[in-house]
Amino acid sequence: MKKRRTNFMQKGWKVFSHLNGKSRKKLLACLLSISMIPVNGFTVMAATADQGNQAAVTQEGTTTPTVTSGISFAAESQNVTVGNFKYYEFQGTQAKDFDKVNFKISDQTALKIEQKTFKQADGTEVVKYMPIALKDSGTVTVIATFEKNKKPLDGVSAQFKFNLSKDDNIIPFTSQTMYQVFSGKEEGALTKADLAAKTEINLSDKGLTDTEVAYLQYATGCEKLDLSKNTNISKIDALKSMTNLKEINLEGTKVSTADRIALIKKDPITVEKGAKTNDPILPKGILKGCKDVKYSEEVAAGTTAKLKSIQVQSDGSISLEAVDTAEAGTTNLKVESTTTPTVFATIPVNVTAKSATTPEFDKNDPNVSVGAFKKQIKLNNLEKDDVVTITSKDTKILNIRTEMAQDGTKTYYLEPKAAGKATVEAVVARAGKTYTATIEIQVAAVGKDIIPLTSYKVYDALEADANNDGMISTEEIKNVKTGQITYAVRDTHIDDKEIHEGDIMGIGDHEILAVGKEIQDVTLETIALMDADDAELITVYYGEDTKAEDAEKLEQALTEKYPSCDVEVYAGGQPIYYYVVSVE
């Protein structure tokens, strides 16, 4: 058949030998429009002019997708602005026509083209391209060739010229990735106004370089910036324009101590007498992790120091405290690198007099006696958002108990443990300052006819305070017998009993009831001597030095010994006494 067709063409052409060259070419075009010419195993049907130069590609016995020899770039993509990112579709084609594009760019320093495959609503995939300007002016020619199933489409290409420009209102990103990092979007442009309006920017672990950090010069409204874990960052000069920056995280970067010190703001620091000013250097966190830095007070000639202490905290921040006796006035804090060359910053410090709102203990009769549990300790000048912590420095003498009301109001009560003097400290955190107040409280011995309870839990459980004065008298508890199990601190002879240092003692309401070497044995003997056989309820509170499992063993032993009596065991948490017992 091939031979016959060739002969036909040879013979047939002689019929038109009278035509000139131009006419013959026209005739050949017409013949090709209706003929089939085999090419490399494929049969190509030439397109007519009104078919848009489309060609159907078939293989013997099969049909492949339609491809377009006239594929072109989208006209609207011709003008490319630095920092503006947008995907475009090729024109004159369908999604199924190709699956990869190869670009030949005349100037790769001026333009690059990204391509990405998108899945459409009908499930088909389409390849889109994104021209990215690397320079802000010039013209770049791009030739695109196409592939399907990893094979080039012969004779199918597109050529286009891209015009590069800039917009002074747009951040000049040259990387779509960085645009995404800063904007959180895949397409579009980030304006300088947009970046300036951001008050908080998190760029942690984004692979930033010094080039990308330079874009932050436009983030003039940012107050909090996180650049941590960007191991390639070493320069932050661009951040000097971020005049509103209050907090920064540079952990995991290569930024030197010297460059960090250069970013420290020179805004005056205010230090109030009676209060520690915490983390006063701005932006906060600028020196976190720096080991080669020292702090000092720079005292002017003829003046005395006004700062009592400059303390470095565990997180690398500092706290400043003024000398109580110093006059109000101005001094300077010097922040200095210890490496060579030495770099330093000097920050003014205003020392002010103690404020009328400084928290102070109310010193109106704060003393208390053993066995009393309603005595309050108060702080004056507290504010709504204050964070208050009150602790005793001598917990074996005095503990602090806190009660919180439904509205969040806290009341602090004294829980006396033993006679003596105890120091109580209050720490109040308020708006970046820490106020510390102390008071000494005298704990007197137990009052006459007052049960010497040392645990509020025990007092509360007895429910025997008829007067509601925070104390339980012997009269109020006449139907209740109490006992305490403790240890002897020295050799002695009491109530006809020989007692040696370290012995376990069971103390009743009026005398020592039992002495021995084992805590549980002494406790069981003491309870027996408190007429437990006739009791309805035995309540035991175990102390801070008693293990819960030992208390459980005691409870089991009491339950077995007194089956007709209710036995209750609670964690009292009291010091000194292994057990406090009530028998009712």
Protein backbone atom coordinates (compact mmCIF):
# COMPACT_ATOMS: atom_id res chain seq x y z
CA MET A 1 0.00 0.00 0.00
CA LYS A 2 2.83 2.35 0.77
CA LYS A 3 4.31 1.67 -2.68
CA ARG A 4 0.98 2.28 -4.44
CA ARG A 5 0.47 5.54 -2.61
CA THR A 6 3.99 6.71 -3.57
CA ASN A 7 3.38 5.84 -7.21
CA PHE A 8 0.09 7.66 -7.13
CA MET A 9 1.72 10.72 -5.72
CA GLN A 10 4.48 10.62 -8.32
CA LYS A 11 2.06 10.12 -11.19
CA GLY A 12 -0.49 12.53 -9.84
CA TRP A 13 2.03 15.31 -9.40
CA LYS A 14 2.76 15.24 -13.15
CA VAL A 15 -0.84 16.24 -13.78
CA PHE A 16 -0.09 19.58 -12.09
CA SER A 17 3.33 20.14 -13.70
CA HIS A 18 1.99 23.13 -15.52
CA LEU A 19 1.54 25.07 -12.26
CA ASN A 20 4.20 27.54 -11.05
CA GLY A 21 6.11 27.05 -7.73
CA LYS A 22 3.78 29.18 -5.62
CA SER A 23 0.67 27.42 -6.90
CA ARG A 24 2.24 24.06 -6.32
CA LYS A 25 2.88 24.93 -2.64
CA LYS A 26 -0.79 25.89 -2.16
CA LEU A 27 -1.88 22.68 -3.80
CA LEU A 28 0.46 20.66 -1.60
CA ALA A 29 -1.04 22.23 1.53
CA CYS A 30 -4.50 21.19 0.36
CA LEU A 31 -3.36 17.66 -0.37
CA LEU A 32 -1.75 17.37 3.06
CA SER A 33 -5.00 18.43 4.69
CA ILE A 34 -6.68 15.29 3.37
CA SER A 35 -3.79 12.84 3.27
CA MET A 36 -2.16 10.70 5.97
CA ILE A 37 1.62 10.65 6.23
CA PRO A 38 3.32 8.10 8.55
CA VAL A 39 6.02 9.61 10.85
CA ASN A 40 8.16 7.54 13.27
CA GLY A 41 5.47 4.94 13.89
CA PHE A 42 2.79 7.62 14.46
CA THR A 43 0.22 8.81 12.01
CA VAL A 44 -0.09 12.59 12.02
CA MET A 45 -3.18 14.27 10.57
CA ALA A 46 -2.26 17.74 9.55
CA ALA A 47 -4.51 20.52 10.78
CA THR A 48 -6.44 23.01 8.72
CA ALA A 49 -6.14 26.70 9.38
CA ASP A 50 -9.53 26.99 11.10
CA GLN A 51 -8.62 24.17 13.53
CA GLY A 52 -6.28 26.40 15.49
CA ASN A 53 -3.26 24.45 14.26
CA GLN A 54 -4.32 21.45 16.37
CA ALA A 55 -2.99 17.99 15.62
CA ALA A 56 -4.44 14.62 16.63
CA VAL A 57 -1.67 12.12 17.47
CA THR A 58 -2.58 8.45 17.12
CA GLN A 59 -0.70 5.18 17.21
CA GLU A 60 -1.86 2.21 15.22
CA GLY A 61 -4.74 0.68 17.15
CA THR A 62 -4.77 3.31 19.95
CA THR A 63 -5.65 6.96 20.56
CA THR A 64 -3.51 9.38 22.64
CA PRO A 65 -4.57 12.73 24.12
CA THR A 66 -4.94 15.75 21.92
CA VAL A 67 -1.94 18.06 21.94
CA THR A 68 -1.63 21.58 20.63
CA SER A 69 1.22 22.81 18.55
CA GLY A 70 0.07 26.37 19.32
CA ILE A 71 0.38 26.31 23.13
CA SER A 72 1.20 29.73 24.54
CA PHE A 73 1.88 31.48 27.84
CA ALA A 74 -0.99 33.47 29.37
CA ALA A 75 -0.81 37.05 28.16
CA GLU A 76 -1.56 38.44 31.63
CA SER A 77 1.66 36.86 32.98
CA GLN A 78 3.87 38.98 30.73
CA ASN A 79 4.52 41.71 33.33
CA VAL A 80 6.25 40.34 36.45
CA THR A 81 6.65 42.48 39.57
CA VAL A 82 9.30 41.61 42.15
CA GLY A 83 7.56 40.17 45.21
CA ASN A 84 4.28 39.34 43.43
CA PHE A 85 3.57 35.62 43.14
CA LYS A 86 0.84 34.09 40.97
CA TYR A 87 0.27 30.79 39.14
CA TYR A 88 -0.93 30.88 35.51
CA GLU A 89 -2.28 28.27 33.10
CA PHE A 90 -0.93 27.74 29.62
CA GLN A 91 -3.30 28.78 26.85
CA GLY A 92 -4.48 26.72 23.84
CA THR A 93 -4.33 23.40 25.67
CA GLN A 94 -6.16 21.06 28.03
CA ALA A 95 -5.12 19.58 31.36
CA LYS A 96 -4.47 16.17 29.86
CA ASP A 97 -2.21 17.41 27.10
CA PHE A 98 1.09 17.36 29.06
CA ASP A 99 2.40 16.70 32.57
CA LYS A 100 5.74 18.54 32.60
CA VAL A 101 7.27 21.69 31.18
CA ASN A 102 10.94 22.44 30.56
CA PHE A 103 11.95 26.10 30.52
CA LYS A 104 14.89 27.67 28.71
CA ILE A 105 15.41 31.11 30.25
CA SER A 106 17.59 33.68 28.51
CA ASP A 107 18.73 35.27 31.82
CA GLN A 108 18.45 33.00 34.86
CA THR A 109 19.78 35.74 37.13
CA ALA A 110 16.75 37.87 36.31
CA LEU A 111 13.88 35.38 36.21
CA LYS A 112 12.99 31.92 37.39
CA ILE A 113 9.84 29.92 36.74
CA GLU A 114 8.25 27.50 39.20
CA GLN A 115 5.73 24.90 38.04
CA LYS A 116 3.19 22.99 40.06
CA THR A 117 0.52 20.38 39.32
CA PHE A 118 -2.97 21.19 40.61
CA LYS A 119 -5.84 18.73 40.88
CA GLN A 120 -9.10 20.12 39.50
CA ALA A 121 -12.63 19.51 40.73
CA ASP A 122 -13.18 16.75 38.15
CA GLY A 123 -10.07 14.89 39.31
CA THR A 124 -7.89 15.83 36.35
CA GLU A 125 -4.51 17.46 36.89
CA VAL A 126 -3.24 20.65 35.30
CA VAL A 127 0.29 22.06 35.26
CA LYS A 128 0.58 25.75 36.11
CA TYR A 129 3.60 28.04 36.02
CA MET A 130 4.72 30.94 38.19
CA PRO A 131 7.20 33.53 36.84
CA ILE A 132 9.31 35.00 39.68
CA ALA A 133 11.28 38.19 39.14
CA LEU A 134 14.82 38.19 40.55
CA LYS A 135 15.57 41.67 39.22
CA ASP A 136 13.38 44.74 39.12
CA SER A 137 13.88 45.66 35.44
CA GLY A 138 14.63 44.18 32.03
CA THR A 139 13.12 41.71 29.57
CA VAL A 140 13.67 37.94 29.63
CA THR A 141 12.80 35.48 26.86
CA VAL A 142 11.54 32.04 27.88
CA ILE A 143 11.06 28.99 25.63
CA ALA A 144 8.88 26.21 27.03
CA THR A 145 8.90 22.63 25.77
CA PHE A 146 6.45 20.00 26.97
CA GLU A 147 6.49 16.37 28.05
CA LYS A 148 3.85 13.67 28.41
CA ASN A 149 4.63 10.46 30.26
CA LYS A 150 8.33 11.49 30.38
CA LYS A 151 8.50 11.84 26.57
CA PRO A 152 8.96 15.17 24.77
CA LEU A 153 6.15 16.34 22.52
CA ASP A 154 7.90 16.89 19.23
CA GLY A 155 7.31 20.23 17.62
CA VAL A 156 5.32 21.56 20.58
CA SER A 157 6.81 24.66 22.25
CA ALA A 158 5.97 28.18 23.37
CA GLN A 159 8.09 31.32 23.38
CA PHE A 160 7.36 34.42 25.46
CA LYS A 161 8.93 37.63 26.68
CA PHE A 162 8.57 38.65 30.32
CA ASN A 163 8.91 42.24 31.43
CA LEU A 164 10.37 42.77 34.92
CA SER A 165 9.41 45.66 37.18
CA LYS A 166 9.12 46.71 40.80
CA ASP A 167 6.49 48.26 43.05
CA ASP A 168 7.87 50.35 45.91
CA ASN A 169 4.87 49.37 48.05
CA ILE A 170 5.61 45.62 47.82
CA ILE A 171 8.17 43.71 49.90
CA PRO A 172 10.73 42.61 47.25
CA PHE A 173 10.77 38.88 47.94
CA THR A 174 12.58 36.82 45.31
CA SER A 175 11.52 33.51 46.85
CA GLN A 176 7.97 32.23 46.95
CA THR A 177 8.91 30.17 50.01
CA MET A 178 9.94 33.28 51.92
CA TYR A 179 6.80 35.07 50.79
CA GLN A 180 4.79 32.17 52.21
CA VAL A 181 6.78 32.28 55.47
CA PHE A 182 6.13 35.98 56.00
CA SER A 183 2.56 36.17 54.69
CA GLY A 184 1.12 32.71 55.33
CA LYS A 185 -0.26 32.71 51.75
CA GLU A 186 0.76 30.87 48.57
CA GLU A 187 -0.10 33.59 46.07
CA GLY A 188 -0.18 37.36 46.09
CA ALA A 189 2.06 40.13 47.37
CA LEU A 190 2.94 41.37 50.86
CA THR A 191 2.92 45.15 51.01
CA LYS A 192 5.13 47.18 53.29
CA ALA A 193 1.98 48.47 54.97
CA ASP A 194 0.84 44.89 55.61
CA LEU A 195 4.15 44.00 57.27
CA ALA A 196 4.24 47.24 59.25
CA ALA A 197 0.80 46.42 60.71
CA LYS A 198 1.89 43.06 62.17
CA THR A 199 2.40 43.27 65.96
CA GLU A 200 3.63 39.71 66.39
CA ILE A 201 5.76 37.73 63.92
CA ASN A 202 6.78 34.09 64.42
CA LEU A 203 9.56 33.00 62.05
CA SER A 204 11.00 30.24 64.22
CA ASP A 205 12.80 27.42 62.38
CA LYS A 206 12.05 28.75 58.88
CA GLY A 207 15.53 28.42 57.40
CA LEU A 208 16.01 32.17 57.18
CA THR A 209 19.23 33.82 56.11
CA ASP A 210 20.48 37.34 56.71
CA THR A 211 18.95 38.32 53.35
CA GLU A 212 15.45 37.40 54.49
CA VAL A 213 15.95 39.01 57.91
CA ALA A 214 16.60 42.28 56.08
CA TYR A 215 12.93 42.34 55.01
CA LEU A 216 12.01 42.90 58.67
CA GLN A 217 13.16 46.49 58.37
CA TYR A 218 9.59 47.16 57.17
CA ALA A 219 7.99 45.52 60.25
CA THR A 220 7.99 48.77 62.15
CA GLY A 221 4.89 47.96 64.20
CA CYS A 222 6.07 44.57 65.45
CA GLU A 223 6.24 44.18 69.24
CA LYS A 224 7.13 40.48 69.51
CA LEU A 225 9.49 38.65 67.14
CA ASP A 226 10.60 35.01 67.18
CA LEU A 227 13.66 34.17 65.04
CA SER A 228 14.78 31.14 67.05
CA LYS A 229 16.24 28.00 65.44
CA ASN A 230 17.29 29.79 62.25
CA THR A 231 20.88 28.59 62.32
CA ASN A 232 22.00 30.70 59.34
CA ILE A 233 21.06 34.07 60.82
CA SER A 234 24.05 36.11 62.00
CA LYS A 235 23.12 39.75 61.31
CA ILE A 236 20.21 41.71 62.73
CA ASP A 237 21.09 45.28 61.76
CA ALA A 238 17.78 45.55 59.90
CA LEU A 239 15.91 45.18 63.18
CA LYS A 240 17.07 48.60 64.37
CA SER A 241 14.17 50.11 62.42
CA MET A 242 11.71 48.03 64.52
CA THR A 243 11.30 50.80 67.08
CA ASN A 244 8.27 49.16 68.74
CA LEU A 245 10.00 45.83 69.39
CA LYS A 246 9.51 44.75 73.02
CA GLU A 247 10.39 41.06 72.94
CA ILE A 248 12.64 38.91 70.76
CA ASN A 249 13.83 35.30 70.67
CA LEU A 250 17.22 34.66 69.05
CA GLU A 251 17.97 31.24 70.54
CA GLY A 252 19.57 28.87 68.08
CA THR A 253 20.92 31.63 65.81
CA LYS A 254 24.49 32.81 65.17
CA VAL A 255 23.85 36.38 66.27
CA SER A 256 26.78 37.54 68.40
CA THR A 257 26.54 39.13 71.83
CA ALA A 258 27.99 42.32 70.34
CA ASP A 259 25.22 42.55 67.73
CA ARG A 260 22.60 41.85 70.39
CA ILE A 261 23.94 44.61 72.63
CA ALA A 262 23.78 46.98 69.65
CA LEU A 263 20.01 46.34 69.47
CA ILE A 264 19.34 47.18 73.14
CA LYS A 265 16.99 50.12 73.55
CA LYS A 266 18.16 53.10 75.57
CA ASP A 267 14.76 53.81 77.13
CA PRO A 268 15.16 54.67 80.84
CA ILE A 269 14.52 51.90 83.38
CA THR A 270 12.54 52.78 86.51
CA VAL A 271 13.50 51.08 89.78
CA GLU A 272 11.29 51.65 92.78
CA LYS A 273 12.73 51.29 96.27
CA GLY A 274 11.29 48.26 97.95
CA ALA A 275 10.69 46.48 94.66
CA LYS A 276 12.79 44.38 92.30
CA THR A 277 12.40 45.41 88.68
CA ASN A 278 12.41 42.20 86.66
CA ASP A 279 13.72 41.77 83.10
CA PRO A 280 13.94 45.52 82.40
CA ILE A 281 16.18 45.40 79.30
CA LEU A 282 14.35 45.88 76.01
CA PRO A 283 13.65 44.08 73.84
CA LYS A 284 13.11 41.29 76.36
CA GLY A 285 15.09 38.16 75.55
CA ILE A 286 17.75 40.00 73.52
CA LEU A 287 20.55 38.61 75.73
CA LYS A 288 19.01 35.23 76.52
CA GLY A 289 21.59 32.49 76.25
CA CYS A 290 24.56 34.88 76.14
CA LYS A 291 27.37 33.75 78.43
CA ASP A 292 29.86 36.49 77.49
CA VAL A 293 28.06 39.46 79.03
CA LYS A 294 28.36 41.29 82.33
CA TYR A 295 26.35 43.99 84.09
CA SER A 296 27.42 46.83 86.34
CA GLU A 297 26.29 50.17 87.68
CA GLU A 298 28.08 53.06 86.04
CA VAL A 299 28.40 55.56 88.88
CA ALA A 300 29.06 59.17 87.94
CA ALA A 301 31.98 60.94 89.60
CA GLY A 302 31.10 62.41 92.99
CA THR A 303 27.96 60.26 93.39
CA THR A 304 27.18 57.06 95.28
CA ALA A 305 25.73 53.84 94.02
CA LYS A 306 21.95 53.64 93.89
CA LEU A 307 21.57 50.00 92.92
CA LYS A 308 21.58 47.45 95.71
CA SER A 309 21.82 44.42 93.46
CA ILE A 310 21.95 43.31 89.83
CA GLN A 311 20.90 39.67 89.82
CA VAL A 312 21.12 37.38 86.79
CA GLN A 313 18.17 34.98 86.68
CA SER A 314 18.23 31.37 85.46
CA ASP A 315 16.70 32.38 82.10
CA GLY A 316 19.46 34.93 81.48
CA SER A 317 17.37 37.98 82.37
CA ILE A 318 18.24 40.30 85.23
CA SER A 319 16.48 41.98 88.13
CA LEU A 320 17.44 45.33 89.61
CA GLU A 321 16.94 46.44 93.19
CA ALA A 322 17.62 49.91 94.60
CA VAL A 323 19.47 50.71 97.83
CA ASP A 324 16.85 51.40 100.49
CA THR A 325 18.77 54.35 101.93
CA ALA A 326 19.76 55.88 98.61
CA GLU A 327 18.25 59.14 97.50
CA ALA A 328 15.96 59.10 94.54
CA GLY A 329 17.76 60.03 91.34
CA THR A 330 19.39 58.72 88.17
CA THR A 331 22.16 56.22 87.64
CA ASN A 332 23.22 54.00 84.71
CA LEU A 333 23.21 50.31 83.96
CA LYS A 334 26.17 49.19 81.85
CA VAL A 335 25.76 46.08 79.71
CA GLU A 336 29.09 44.89 78.39
CA SER A 337 30.44 41.99 76.36
CA THR A 338 33.42 40.14 77.79
CA THR A 339 34.82 39.15 74.42
CA THR A 340 37.23 41.16 72.30
CA PRO A 341 36.52 43.72 70.96
CA THR A 342 34.44 44.86 73.92
CA VAL A 343 31.02 46.30 73.11
CA PHE A 344 28.75 47.94 75.64
CA ALA A 345 25.46 49.77 76.03
CA THR A 346 24.55 52.24 78.75
CA ILE A 347 20.94 52.43 79.89
CA PRO A 348 19.66 55.23 82.18
CA VAL A 349 18.08 54.04 85.45
CA ASN A 350 15.66 56.21 87.41
CA VAL A 351 15.48 55.29 91.11
CA THR A 352 12.22 56.46 92.64
CA ALA A 353 10.99 56.64 96.22
CA LYS A 354 8.86 53.88 97.66
CA SER A 355 5.33 54.15 96.35
CA ALA A 356 2.28 54.55 98.52
CA THR A 357 0.96 51.42 96.77
CA THR A 358 3.88 49.22 97.81
CA PRO A 359 2.54 46.04 99.47
CA GLU A 360 3.27 45.93 103.21
CA PHE A 361 2.30 43.61 106.05
CA ASP A 362 -0.31 44.87 108.46
CA LYS A 363 1.67 44.80 111.70
CA ASN A 364 -1.35 45.17 113.98
CA ASP A 365 -0.88 42.41 116.59
CA PRO A 366 0.32 39.59 114.34
CA ASN A 367 1.42 37.30 117.17
CA VAL A 368 -0.26 33.98 117.91
CA SER A 369 -0.17 30.99 120.31
CA VAL A 370 -0.09 27.24 119.77
CA GLY A 371 -3.58 25.81 119.33
CA ALA A 372 -5.05 28.95 117.72
CA PHE A 373 -6.14 28.73 114.05
CA LYS A 374 -8.22 31.85 113.26
CA LYS A 375 -5.44 34.41 113.37
CA GLN A 376 -5.06 36.17 110.00
CA ILE A 377 -2.03 37.81 108.48
CA LYS A 378 -2.78 40.67 106.11
CA LEU A 379 -1.06 42.58 103.31
CA ASN A 380 -1.96 46.18 102.65
CA ASN A 381 -1.98 47.88 99.24
CA LEU A 382 -2.73 44.80 97.17
CA GLU A 383 -4.11 45.28 93.66
CA LYS A 384 -6.52 43.13 91.68
CA ASP A 385 -4.01 41.44 89.37
CA ASP A 386 -1.24 40.97 91.94
CA VAL A 387 0.22 37.48 92.23
CA VAL A 388 0.85 36.89 95.93
CA THR A 389 2.88 34.20 97.66
CA ILE A 390 3.21 34.18 101.48
CA THR A 391 5.51 31.65 103.11
CA SER A 392 7.04 31.00 106.48
CA LYS A 393 10.80 30.62 106.73
CA ASP A 394 10.41 28.53 109.89
CA THR A 395 7.76 25.89 109.13
CA LYS A 396 8.45 23.91 112.28
CA ILE A 397 7.33 26.94 114.28
CA LEU A 398 4.72 28.47 111.99
CA ASN A 399 2.94 27.57 108.77
CA ILE A 400 0.78 29.76 106.49
CA ARG A 401 -2.64 28.43 105.45
CA THR A 402 -4.50 29.93 102.48
CA GLU A 403 -8.26 29.94 101.96
CA MET A 404 -9.80 31.05 98.67
CA ALA A 405 -13.33 32.41 98.40
CA GLN A 406 -15.59 31.81 95.39
CA ASP A 407 -14.75 35.26 94.01
CA GLY A 408 -11.03 34.42 94.05
CA THR A 409 -10.25 36.43 97.18
CA LYS A 410 -7.53 34.84 99.32
CA THR A 411 -7.31 34.94 103.09
CA TYR A 412 -4.08 33.97 104.84
CA TYR A 413 -4.18 32.30 108.28
CA LEU A 414 -1.43 31.45 110.75
CA GLU A 415 -1.02 27.78 111.66
CA PRO A 416 1.23 27.67 114.75
CA LYS A 417 3.30 24.55 115.34
CA ALA A 418 5.53 25.32 118.30
CA ALA A 419 6.63 28.21 120.54
CA GLY A 420 9.28 30.46 119.02
CA LYS A 421 9.88 33.26 116.51
CA ALA A 422 9.24 32.83 112.77
CA THR A 423 9.92 35.07 109.76
CA VAL A 424 7.12 35.36 107.22
CA GLU A 425 7.83 36.62 103.70
CA ALA A 426 5.42 37.90 101.08
CA VAL A 427 6.39 38.10 97.41
CA VAL A 428 4.06 40.15 95.20
CA ALA A 429 4.48 40.14 91.41
CA ARG A 430 2.97 43.20 89.74
CA ALA A 431 3.48 44.44 86.17
CA GLY A 432 7.11 43.39 85.80
CA LYS A 433 8.05 44.25 89.38
CA THR A 434 8.51 42.04 92.41
CA TYR A 435 7.76 43.43 95.86
CA THR A 436 9.09 41.64 98.92
CA ALA A 437 7.81 42.24 102.45
CA THR A 438 8.81 40.47 105.68
CA ILE A 439 7.51 40.32 109.23
CA GLU A 440 8.55 38.49 112.39
CA ILE A 441 5.82 36.67 114.29
CA GLN A 442 6.12 35.46 117.84
CA VAL A 443 4.43 32.13 118.54
CA ALA A 444 3.59 31.73 122.22
CA ALA A 445 3.16 28.46 124.10
CA VAL A 446 -0.25 26.89 124.32
CA GLY A 447 -2.72 28.83 126.42
CA LYS A 448 -4.31 27.54 129.62
CA ASP A 449 -6.98 24.90 129.09
CA ILE A 450 -6.41 25.00 125.29
CA ILE A 451 -5.86 21.73 123.46
CA PRO A 452 -2.33 21.94 121.91
CA LEU A 453 -3.33 21.06 118.36
CA THR A 454 -0.76 21.83 115.68
CA SER A 455 -2.73 20.93 112.55
CA TYR A 456 -5.69 22.86 111.18
CA LYS A 457 -7.00 19.67 109.57
CA VAL A 458 -7.21 18.07 113.00
CA TYR A 459 -8.84 21.16 114.51
CA ASP A 460 -11.38 21.34 111.67
CA ALA A 461 -12.22 17.64 111.86
CA LEU A 462 -12.92 17.73 115.60
CA GLU A 463 -15.72 20.27 115.12
CA ALA A 464 -15.50 21.08 118.83
CA ASP A 465 -14.90 24.87 118.69
CA ALA A 466 -18.17 25.96 120.26
CA ASN A 467 -16.95 29.56 120.62
CA ASN A 468 -15.67 29.69 117.02
CA ASP A 469 -12.55 31.45 118.23
CA GLY A 470 -10.11 29.16 116.43
CA MET A 471 -9.22 27.24 119.60
CA ILE A 472 -10.58 24.15 121.28
CA SER A 473 -10.61 24.19 125.08
CA THR A 474 -10.64 21.25 127.43
CA GLU A 475 -14.19 22.16 128.35
CA GLU A 476 -15.30 22.13 124.68
CA ILE A 477 -13.72 18.78 124.12
CA LYS A 478 -14.57 17.11 127.43
CA ASN A 479 -16.26 14.24 125.62
CA VAL A 480 -13.24 13.83 123.40
CA LYS A 481 -9.91 12.46 124.50
CA THR A 482 -6.83 13.44 122.51
CA GLY A 483 -3.39 12.00 122.17
CA GLN A 484 -0.18 12.74 120.29
CA ILE A 485 2.54 10.35 119.28
CA THR A 486 6.00 11.92 119.11
CA TYR A 487 9.63 11.26 120.11
CA ALA A 488 11.78 12.27 123.08
CA VAL A 489 14.56 14.78 122.44
CA ARG A 490 16.46 13.95 125.64
CA ASP A 491 16.60 11.55 128.60
CA THR A 492 14.07 12.36 131.31
CA HIS A 493 11.75 10.93 133.97
CA ILE A 494 8.07 11.97 133.75
CA ASP A 495 4.89 10.48 135.19
CA ASP A 496 6.83 7.60 136.73
CA LYS A 497 8.22 6.68 133.33
CA GLU A 498 11.86 6.46 132.34
CA ILE A 499 12.28 8.11 128.99
CA HIS A 500 15.43 8.00 126.84
CA GLU A 501 16.38 10.18 123.89
CA GLY A 502 14.75 8.81 120.72
CA ASP A 503 12.01 6.91 122.55
CA ILE A 504 8.48 7.06 121.14
CA MET A 505 5.98 8.72 123.50
CA GLY A 506 2.20 8.67 123.60
CA ILE A 507 0.96 11.87 125.25
CA GLY A 508 -2.61 12.13 126.55
CA ASP A 509 -4.62 15.12 127.65
CA HIS A 510 -2.92 15.28 131.06
CA GLU A 511 0.00 12.84 131.10
CA ILE A 512 2.34 10.59 129.17
CA LEU A 513 0.44 7.39 128.55
CA ALA A 514 2.93 5.14 126.83
CA VAL A 515 6.67 4.90 126.01
CA GLY A 516 8.37 2.44 123.68
CA LYS A 517 10.61 1.87 120.69
CA GLU A 518 8.05 1.21 117.92
CA ILE A 519 5.63 3.89 116.68
CA GLN A 520 2.69 1.58 115.98
CA ASP A 521 3.02 -0.29 119.28
CA VAL A 522 3.09 2.96 121.26
CA THR A 523 0.15 4.33 119.26
CA LEU A 524 -2.01 1.25 119.90
CA GLU A 525 -1.15 1.31 123.62
CA THR A 526 -1.92 5.03 123.86
CA ILE A 527 -5.32 4.61 122.21
CA ALA A 528 -6.16 1.71 124.49
CA LEU A 529 -5.41 3.87 127.54
CA MET A 530 -7.77 6.54 126.15
CA ASP A 531 -10.73 4.20 126.87
CA ALA A 532 -11.11 3.26 123.21
CA ASP A 533 -13.17 0.19 124.20
CA ASP A 534 -16.05 2.52 125.07
CA ALA A 535 -15.62 4.88 122.15
CA GLU A 536 -17.86 5.37 119.12
CA LEU A 537 -15.28 7.03 116.91
CA ILE A 538 -11.49 6.91 116.69
CA THR A 539 -9.92 9.51 114.40
CA VAL A 540 -6.24 9.44 113.50
CA TYR A 541 -4.26 12.14 111.65
CA TYR A 542 -0.82 11.07 110.48
CA GLY A 543 2.00 13.60 110.23
CA GLU A 544 4.45 14.64 107.55
CA ASP A 545 7.06 12.13 108.74
CA THR A 546 4.64 9.17 108.60
CA LYS A 547 4.26 7.05 105.47
CA ALA A 548 0.75 6.49 104.13
CA GLU A 549 1.26 2.73 104.10
CA ASP A 550 2.16 2.79 107.82
CA ALA A 551 -1.01 4.74 108.53
CA GLU A 552 -3.01 2.14 106.59
CA LYS A 553 -1.50 -0.65 108.69
CA LEU A 554 -2.49 1.24 111.87
CA GLU A 555 -6.04 1.68 110.54
CA GLN A 556 -6.31 -2.07 109.87
CA ALA A 557 -5.01 -2.90 113.34
CA LEU A 558 -7.48 -0.53 115.02
CA THR A 559 -10.40 -1.86 112.96
CA GLU A 560 -9.59 -5.42 114.00
CA LYS A 561 -9.11 -4.47 117.66
CA TYR A 562 -12.23 -2.28 117.92
CA PRO A 563 -14.81 -3.82 115.54
CA SER A 564 -17.76 -1.93 117.05
CA CYS A 565 -16.05 1.45 116.68
CA ASP A 566 -15.74 3.63 113.57
CA VAL A 567 -12.09 4.21 112.65
CA GLU A 568 -11.09 7.11 110.38
CA VAL A 569 -7.52 7.88 109.27
CA TYR A 570 -6.52 11.14 107.51
CA ALA A 571 -3.35 12.82 106.30
CA GLY A 572 -2.84 15.64 108.81
CA GLY A 573 0.56 16.71 107.56
CA GLN A 574 1.61 17.99 110.98
CA PRO A 575 5.30 18.15 111.89
CA ILE A 576 6.87 16.59 115.01
CA TYR A 577 3.87 14.36 115.79
CA TYR A 578 3.68 11.00 113.99
CA TYR A 579 0.01 10.75 114.90
CA VAL A 580 -2.62 12.96 116.49
CA VAL A 581 -5.53 10.90 117.84
CA SER A 582 -9.01 11.73 119.04
CA VAL A 583 -11.29 9.24 120.79
CA GLU A 584 -14.96 10.19 121.09
